[in-house]
Amino acid sequence: MQLAGGLPGGLGPLELLIILGIVVVLFGATRLTDIGKGLGKGIREFRREMKDEDKPEEEAEKETEKETAATTRDDKNT
């Protein structure tokens, strides 16, 4: 029987907090932010490529170059 608010497999809120605490101890807070940034960039790039699939090749390349330049500027500022 599953309790209210628990996830399938018996993972409840307390277990998730314990797992989160272990992950923070293992990787450190700064490393987790870097992992999150990398994951976010990967997801954005994947979505962009899925949208560009419908566009003509030339137009998609120009747009990708503009976004890459903007991302490079943002990375230099941080």
Protein backbone atom coordinates (compact mmCIF):
# COMPACT_ATOMS: atom_id res chain seq x y z
CA MET A 1 0.00 0.00 0.00
CA GLN A 2 1.34 3.42 -0.94
CA LEU A 3 1.07 6.40 1.39
CA ALA A 4 -0.28 9.71 0.12
CA GLY A 5 2.43 11.90 -1.37
CA GLY A 6 4.89 9.05 -1.85
CA LEU A 7 6.37 8.02 -5.15
CA PRO A 8 6.09 4.53 -6.62
CA GLY A 9 8.80 2.28 -5.24
CA GLY A 10 8.42 3.57 -1.69
CA LEU A 11 10.36 6.84 -2.07
CA GLY A 12 8.75 9.47 0.07
CA PRO A 13 9.71 13.08 0.78
CA LEU A 14 12.08 12.13 3.63
CA GLU A 15 13.96 9.62 1.46
CA LEU A 16 14.27 12.17 -1.35
CA LEU A 17 15.71 14.74 1.07
CA ILE A 18 18.25 12.20 2.32
CA ILE A 19 19.27 11.37 -1.27
CA LEU A 20 19.56 15.09 -2.09
CA GLY A 21 21.76 15.61 0.98
CA ILE A 22 24.06 12.76 -0.03
CA VAL A 23 24.36 14.15 -3.58
CA VAL A 24 25.26 17.62 -2.23
CA VAL A 25 27.91 16.12 0.06
CA LEU A 26 29.39 14.02 -2.74
CA PHE A 27 29.50 16.66 -5.46
CA GLY A 28 29.42 19.96 -3.59
CA ALA A 29 27.08 22.87 -4.22
CA THR A 30 29.28 24.58 -6.85
CA ARG A 31 29.70 21.38 -8.85
CA LEU A 32 25.93 20.84 -8.81
CA THR A 33 25.34 24.30 -10.29
CA ASP A 34 27.83 23.54 -13.06
CA ILE A 35 26.07 20.24 -13.76
CA GLY A 36 22.71 22.06 -13.84
CA LYS A 37 24.02 24.70 -16.25
CA GLY A 38 25.43 22.05 -18.58
CA LEU A 39 22.22 20.06 -18.49
CA GLY A 40 20.16 23.18 -19.19
CA LYS A 41 22.33 24.15 -22.15
CA GLY A 42 22.05 20.64 -23.55
CA ILE A 43 18.26 20.69 -23.29
CA ARG A 44 18.04 24.14 -24.91
CA GLU A 45 20.30 23.04 -27.77
CA PHE A 46 18.25 19.89 -28.29
CA ARG A 47 15.00 21.88 -28.45
CA ARG A 48 16.57 24.41 -30.82
CA GLU A 49 17.73 21.63 -33.14
CA MET A 50 14.28 20.07 -33.11
CA LYS A 51 12.77 23.42 -34.16
CA ASP A 52 15.46 23.96 -36.80
CA GLU A 53 14.66 20.60 -38.38
CA ASP A 54 11.70 22.17 -40.15
CA LYS A 55 13.64 25.22 -41.42
CA PRO A 56 15.79 25.36 -44.54
CA GLU A 57 19.44 24.50 -43.93
CA GLU A 58 20.88 27.97 -44.62
CA GLU A 59 18.45 29.78 -42.37
CA ALA A 60 19.05 27.32 -39.53
CA GLU A 61 22.84 27.76 -39.75
CA LYS A 62 22.58 31.56 -39.55
CA GLU A 63 20.31 31.37 -36.51
CA THR A 64 22.59 28.85 -34.78
CA GLU A 65 25.61 31.09 -35.36
CA LYS A 66 23.79 34.06 -33.80
CA GLU A 67 22.74 32.02 -30.75
CA THR A 68 26.24 30.59 -30.34
CA ALA A 69 27.70 34.10 -30.39
CA ALA A 70 25.19 35.23 -27.77
CA THR A 71 25.94 32.22 -25.56
CA THR A 72 29.67 32.84 -25.87
CA ARG A 73 29.18 36.45 -24.78
CA ASP A 74 27.08 35.32 -21.81
CA ASP A 75 29.73 32.78 -20.75
CA LYS A 76 32.47 35.42 -20.85
CA ASN A 77 30.40 37.75 -18.65
CA THR A 78 29.95 35.14 -15.89
